[in-house]
Amino acid sequence: MAHEIDCWKCGASLAALSLPFGRIERCKACGADLHCCKQCAHYDRSAWQQCREQSVEEVREKDRANFCDHFKPVAGRFAGADPTVDAARAALESLFGKS
């Protein structure tokens, strides 16, 4: 079955992989775990335990493979670089005299 899912971490196409992703499936481009919260349709940073599915056990490491039965891979998770992180890093480097 064809799909248009990209890696949550690097944005690489995962179209060559069949669904559903297995627990040990990794992105061939960056090595990120794919059966993880950050690749799931239920992942929501503003929700309790960062998941919209209310009957799940808490997963602490959202970017690591897990055994969640509610996992549903979704397209559009890659957000690119976080500008706030880049700005904070630049401010720290200027503070400590690094260029």
N, C-alpha and C. Protein backbone atom coordinates (compact mmCIF):
# COMPACT_ATOMS: atom_id res chain seq x y z
N MET A 1 0.84 -1.17 0.00
CA MET A 1 0.00 0.00 0.00
C MET A 1 0.89 1.24 0.00
N ALA A 2 0.68 2.13 -0.91
CA ALA A 2 1.48 3.36 -1.01
C ALA A 2 1.05 4.36 0.07
N HIS A 3 2.02 5.09 0.57
CA HIS A 3 1.74 6.12 1.56
C HIS A 3 2.74 7.26 1.37
N GLU A 4 2.47 8.38 1.97
CA GLU A 4 3.32 9.56 1.84
C GLU A 4 3.87 9.99 3.19
N ILE A 5 4.24 9.05 4.02
CA ILE A 5 4.73 9.36 5.35
C ILE A 5 6.23 9.66 5.28
N ASP A 6 6.62 10.72 5.98
CA ASP A 6 8.02 11.12 6.08
C ASP A 6 8.50 10.91 7.50
N CYS A 7 9.80 10.81 7.67
CA CYS A 7 10.40 10.65 8.99
C CYS A 7 10.14 11.89 9.85
N TRP A 8 9.76 11.68 11.08
CA TRP A 8 9.49 12.78 12.01
C TRP A 8 10.76 13.58 12.31
N LYS A 9 11.93 12.94 12.23
CA LYS A 9 13.18 13.59 12.64
C LYS A 9 13.89 14.31 11.49
N CYS A 10 14.00 13.66 10.31
CA CYS A 10 14.78 14.25 9.23
C CYS A 10 13.96 14.61 8.00
N GLY A 11 12.72 14.14 7.91
CA GLY A 11 11.87 14.45 6.78
C GLY A 11 12.05 13.54 5.58
N ALA A 12 12.90 12.52 5.68
CA ALA A 12 13.12 11.59 4.57
C ALA A 12 11.85 10.79 4.29
N SER A 13 11.60 10.51 3.03
CA SER A 13 10.43 9.73 2.65
C SER A 13 10.54 8.31 3.18
N LEU A 14 9.43 7.79 3.69
CA LEU A 14 9.37 6.42 4.19
C LEU A 14 8.49 5.56 3.30
N ALA A 15 8.24 6.03 2.07
CA ALA A 15 7.34 5.35 1.14
C ALA A 15 7.80 3.93 0.81
N ALA A 16 9.10 3.66 0.89
CA ALA A 16 9.62 2.33 0.58
C ALA A 16 9.29 1.31 1.67
N LEU A 17 8.92 1.78 2.84
CA LEU A 17 8.60 0.89 3.95
C LEU A 17 7.11 0.57 3.95
N SER A 18 6.79 -0.66 4.29
CA SER A 18 5.37 -1.03 4.32
C SER A 18 4.78 -0.72 5.69
N LEU A 19 3.49 -0.48 5.70
CA LEU A 19 2.77 -0.20 6.93
C LEU A 19 2.12 -1.47 7.44
N PRO A 20 1.92 -1.63 8.71
CA PRO A 20 2.35 -0.74 9.78
C PRO A 20 3.83 -0.91 10.06
N PHE A 21 4.47 0.14 10.58
CA PHE A 21 5.87 0.06 10.94
C PHE A 21 6.03 -0.90 12.12
N GLY A 22 7.05 -1.73 12.05
CA GLY A 22 7.35 -2.63 13.16
C GLY A 22 8.04 -1.85 14.28
N ARG A 23 8.07 -2.43 15.45
CA ARG A 23 8.66 -1.77 16.60
C ARG A 23 10.14 -1.45 16.40
N ILE A 24 10.85 -2.24 15.63
CA ILE A 24 12.28 -2.00 15.44
C ILE A 24 12.59 -1.27 14.14
N GLU A 25 11.57 -0.81 13.43
CA GLU A 25 11.78 -0.10 12.16
C GLU A 25 12.46 1.23 12.41
N ARG A 26 13.48 1.52 11.58
CA ARG A 26 14.23 2.77 11.72
C ARG A 26 14.30 3.48 10.37
N CYS A 27 14.45 4.79 10.42
CA CYS A 27 14.64 5.59 9.21
C CYS A 27 16.00 5.25 8.61
N LYS A 28 16.01 4.94 7.33
CA LYS A 28 17.28 4.59 6.68
C LYS A 28 18.19 5.81 6.51
N ALA A 29 17.63 7.01 6.52
CA ALA A 29 18.43 8.24 6.34
C ALA A 29 19.10 8.69 7.63
N CYS A 30 18.37 8.69 8.75
CA CYS A 30 18.93 9.25 9.99
C CYS A 30 19.00 8.25 11.14
N GLY A 31 18.36 7.09 11.00
CA GLY A 31 18.40 6.08 12.05
C GLY A 31 17.39 6.26 13.15
N ALA A 32 16.47 7.22 13.01
CA ALA A 32 15.47 7.46 14.06
C ALA A 32 14.47 6.30 14.14
N ASP A 33 14.04 6.01 15.36
CA ASP A 33 12.99 5.01 15.55
C ASP A 33 11.70 5.53 14.93
N LEU A 34 10.95 4.64 14.27
CA LEU A 34 9.72 5.07 13.61
C LEU A 34 8.46 4.68 14.36
N HIS A 35 8.51 3.59 15.14
CA HIS A 35 7.34 3.20 15.94
C HIS A 35 7.45 3.93 17.27
N CYS A 36 7.30 5.26 17.21
CA CYS A 36 7.45 6.10 18.40
C CYS A 36 6.36 7.16 18.42
N CYS A 37 6.20 7.79 19.56
CA CYS A 37 5.16 8.79 19.74
C CYS A 37 5.24 9.93 18.72
N LYS A 38 6.44 10.40 18.44
CA LYS A 38 6.59 11.54 17.55
C LYS A 38 6.18 11.24 16.11
N GLN A 39 6.02 9.98 15.74
CA GLN A 39 5.59 9.60 14.40
C GLN A 39 4.10 9.26 14.38
N CYS A 40 3.45 9.33 15.53
CA CYS A 40 2.07 8.86 15.68
C CYS A 40 1.03 9.97 15.52
N ALA A 41 -0.13 9.59 14.98
CA ALA A 41 -1.24 10.52 14.79
C ALA A 41 -1.80 11.01 16.12
N HIS A 42 -1.64 10.25 17.19
CA HIS A 42 -2.18 10.62 18.50
C HIS A 42 -1.26 11.56 19.28
N TYR A 43 -0.03 11.75 18.83
CA TYR A 43 0.93 12.60 19.54
C TYR A 43 0.47 14.05 19.49
N ASP A 44 0.43 14.67 20.66
CA ASP A 44 0.01 16.07 20.77
C ASP A 44 0.70 16.66 21.99
N ARG A 45 1.62 17.58 21.76
CA ARG A 45 2.40 18.14 22.87
C ARG A 45 1.53 18.83 23.92
N SER A 46 0.34 19.30 23.53
CA SER A 46 -0.51 20.02 24.48
C SER A 46 -1.46 19.09 25.24
N ALA A 47 -1.51 17.82 24.89
CA ALA A 47 -2.40 16.87 25.56
C ALA A 47 -1.73 16.28 26.80
N TRP A 48 -2.55 15.72 27.68
CA TRP A 48 -2.03 15.05 28.87
C TRP A 48 -1.16 13.89 28.43
N GLN A 49 0.02 13.76 28.95
CA GLN A 49 1.03 12.77 28.59
C GLN A 49 1.41 12.88 27.11
N GLN A 50 1.08 14.01 26.48
CA GLN A 50 1.38 14.31 25.09
C GLN A 50 0.75 13.30 24.13
N CYS A 51 -0.43 12.78 24.50
CA CYS A 51 -1.14 11.81 23.66
C CYS A 51 -2.64 12.06 23.73
N ARG A 52 -3.29 12.07 22.56
CA ARG A 52 -4.74 12.27 22.51
C ARG A 52 -5.51 11.00 22.85
N GLU A 53 -4.84 9.85 22.82
CA GLU A 53 -5.47 8.58 23.18
C GLU A 53 -5.44 8.48 24.70
N GLN A 54 -6.60 8.44 25.32
CA GLN A 54 -6.66 8.54 26.78
C GLN A 54 -6.39 7.25 27.53
N SER A 55 -6.42 6.12 26.84
CA SER A 55 -6.26 4.84 27.54
C SER A 55 -4.86 4.26 27.43
N VAL A 56 -3.87 5.09 27.12
CA VAL A 56 -2.50 4.59 26.96
C VAL A 56 -1.70 4.73 28.25
N GLU A 57 -0.71 3.87 28.37
CA GLU A 57 0.25 4.02 29.45
C GLU A 57 1.24 5.09 29.04
N GLU A 58 1.77 5.81 30.01
CA GLU A 58 2.71 6.88 29.69
C GLU A 58 3.99 6.35 29.07
N VAL A 59 4.42 7.02 28.02
CA VAL A 59 5.70 6.74 27.37
C VAL A 59 6.57 7.96 27.63
N ARG A 60 7.65 7.80 28.34
CA ARG A 60 8.48 8.94 28.71
C ARG A 60 9.35 9.43 27.56
N GLU A 61 9.93 8.54 26.81
CA GLU A 61 10.81 8.93 25.70
C GLU A 61 10.01 8.90 24.40
N LYS A 62 9.52 10.05 24.00
CA LYS A 62 8.62 10.16 22.85
C LYS A 62 9.31 9.89 21.51
N ASP A 63 10.63 9.94 21.49
CA ASP A 63 11.37 9.73 20.25
C ASP A 63 11.98 8.33 20.15
N ARG A 64 11.65 7.45 21.08
CA ARG A 64 12.20 6.09 21.10
C ARG A 64 11.10 5.08 20.78
N ALA A 65 11.50 3.94 20.23
CA ALA A 65 10.56 2.88 19.90
C ALA A 65 9.82 2.42 21.16
N ASN A 66 8.53 2.09 21.00
CA ASN A 66 7.74 1.64 22.13
C ASN A 66 6.76 0.54 21.69
N PHE A 67 6.01 0.02 22.62
CA PHE A 67 5.09 -1.08 22.35
C PHE A 67 3.63 -0.62 22.32
N CYS A 68 3.36 0.64 22.12
CA CYS A 68 2.00 1.16 22.17
C CYS A 68 1.11 0.50 21.10
N ASP A 69 -0.01 -0.03 21.53
CA ASP A 69 -0.96 -0.67 20.60
C ASP A 69 -1.78 0.34 19.82
N HIS A 70 -1.77 1.59 20.25
CA HIS A 70 -2.56 2.64 19.59
C HIS A 70 -1.76 3.37 18.52
N PHE A 71 -0.51 2.97 18.28
CA PHE A 71 0.36 3.63 17.33
C PHE A 71 -0.28 3.66 15.94
N LYS A 72 -0.32 4.87 15.36
CA LYS A 72 -0.85 5.06 14.01
C LYS A 72 0.06 6.06 13.31
N PRO A 73 0.94 5.58 12.39
CA PRO A 73 1.87 6.50 11.74
C PRO A 73 1.13 7.54 10.91
N VAL A 74 1.67 8.74 10.89
CA VAL A 74 1.00 9.84 10.20
C VAL A 74 2.02 10.67 9.42
N ALA A 75 1.57 11.24 8.32
CA ALA A 75 2.41 12.13 7.52
C ALA A 75 2.44 13.52 8.16
N GLY A 76 3.47 14.28 7.85
CA GLY A 76 3.52 15.67 8.29
C GLY A 76 4.10 15.91 9.65
N ARG A 77 4.80 14.97 10.22
CA ARG A 77 5.39 15.17 11.55
C ARG A 77 6.72 15.92 11.51
N PHE A 78 7.42 15.91 10.37
CA PHE A 78 8.71 16.60 10.31
C PHE A 78 8.47 18.11 10.37
N ALA A 79 9.08 18.75 11.35
CA ALA A 79 8.90 20.18 11.54
C ALA A 79 10.13 20.98 11.16
N GLY A 80 11.22 20.31 10.83
CA GLY A 80 12.45 21.03 10.51
C GLY A 80 13.13 21.52 11.77
N ALA A 81 14.08 22.38 11.59
CA ALA A 81 14.82 22.92 12.73
C ALA A 81 13.93 23.82 13.57
N ASP A 82 14.09 23.77 14.85
CA ASP A 82 13.33 24.60 15.77
C ASP A 82 14.03 25.95 15.92
N PRO A 83 13.43 27.05 15.45
CA PRO A 83 14.11 28.34 15.51
C PRO A 83 14.41 28.81 16.93
N THR A 84 13.61 28.41 17.91
CA THR A 84 13.88 28.83 19.28
C THR A 84 15.14 28.16 19.81
N VAL A 85 15.36 26.91 19.43
CA VAL A 85 16.57 26.21 19.84
C VAL A 85 17.79 26.86 19.20
N ASP A 86 17.69 27.17 17.91
CA ASP A 86 18.80 27.82 17.21
C ASP A 86 19.11 29.19 17.82
N ALA A 87 18.08 29.96 18.17
CA ALA A 87 18.28 31.28 18.77
C ALA A 87 18.92 31.16 20.15
N ALA A 88 18.48 30.18 20.94
CA ALA A 88 19.04 29.98 22.28
C ALA A 88 20.51 29.56 22.18
N ARG A 89 20.80 28.68 21.24
CA ARG A 89 22.18 28.24 21.05
C ARG A 89 23.07 29.42 20.65
N ALA A 90 22.60 30.27 19.74
CA ALA A 90 23.37 31.43 19.30
C ALA A 90 23.61 32.40 20.45
N ALA A 91 22.58 32.59 21.30
CA ALA A 91 22.72 33.49 22.44
C ALA A 91 23.76 32.96 23.42
N LEU A 92 23.74 31.67 23.68
CA LEU A 92 24.72 31.07 24.58
C LEU A 92 26.13 31.18 24.02
N GLU A 93 26.27 30.92 22.72
CA GLU A 93 27.60 31.01 22.11
C GLU A 93 28.14 32.43 22.15
N SER A 94 27.28 33.42 21.95
CA SER A 94 27.75 34.81 22.02
C SER A 94 28.09 35.19 23.45
N LEU A 95 27.33 34.67 24.41
CA LEU A 95 27.57 34.94 25.82
C LEU A 95 28.94 34.42 26.26
N PHE A 96 29.30 33.24 25.78
CA PHE A 96 30.54 32.62 26.17
C PHE A 96 31.67 32.83 25.17
N GLY A 97 31.47 33.73 24.22
CA GLY A 97 32.52 34.11 23.31
C GLY A 97 32.86 33.13 22.23
N LYS A 98 31.95 32.23 21.91
CA LYS A 98 32.21 31.27 20.83
C LYS A 98 31.60 31.83 19.55
N SER A 99 32.24 31.53 18.45
CA SER A 99 31.69 32.04 17.19
C SER A 99 31.16 30.95 16.32
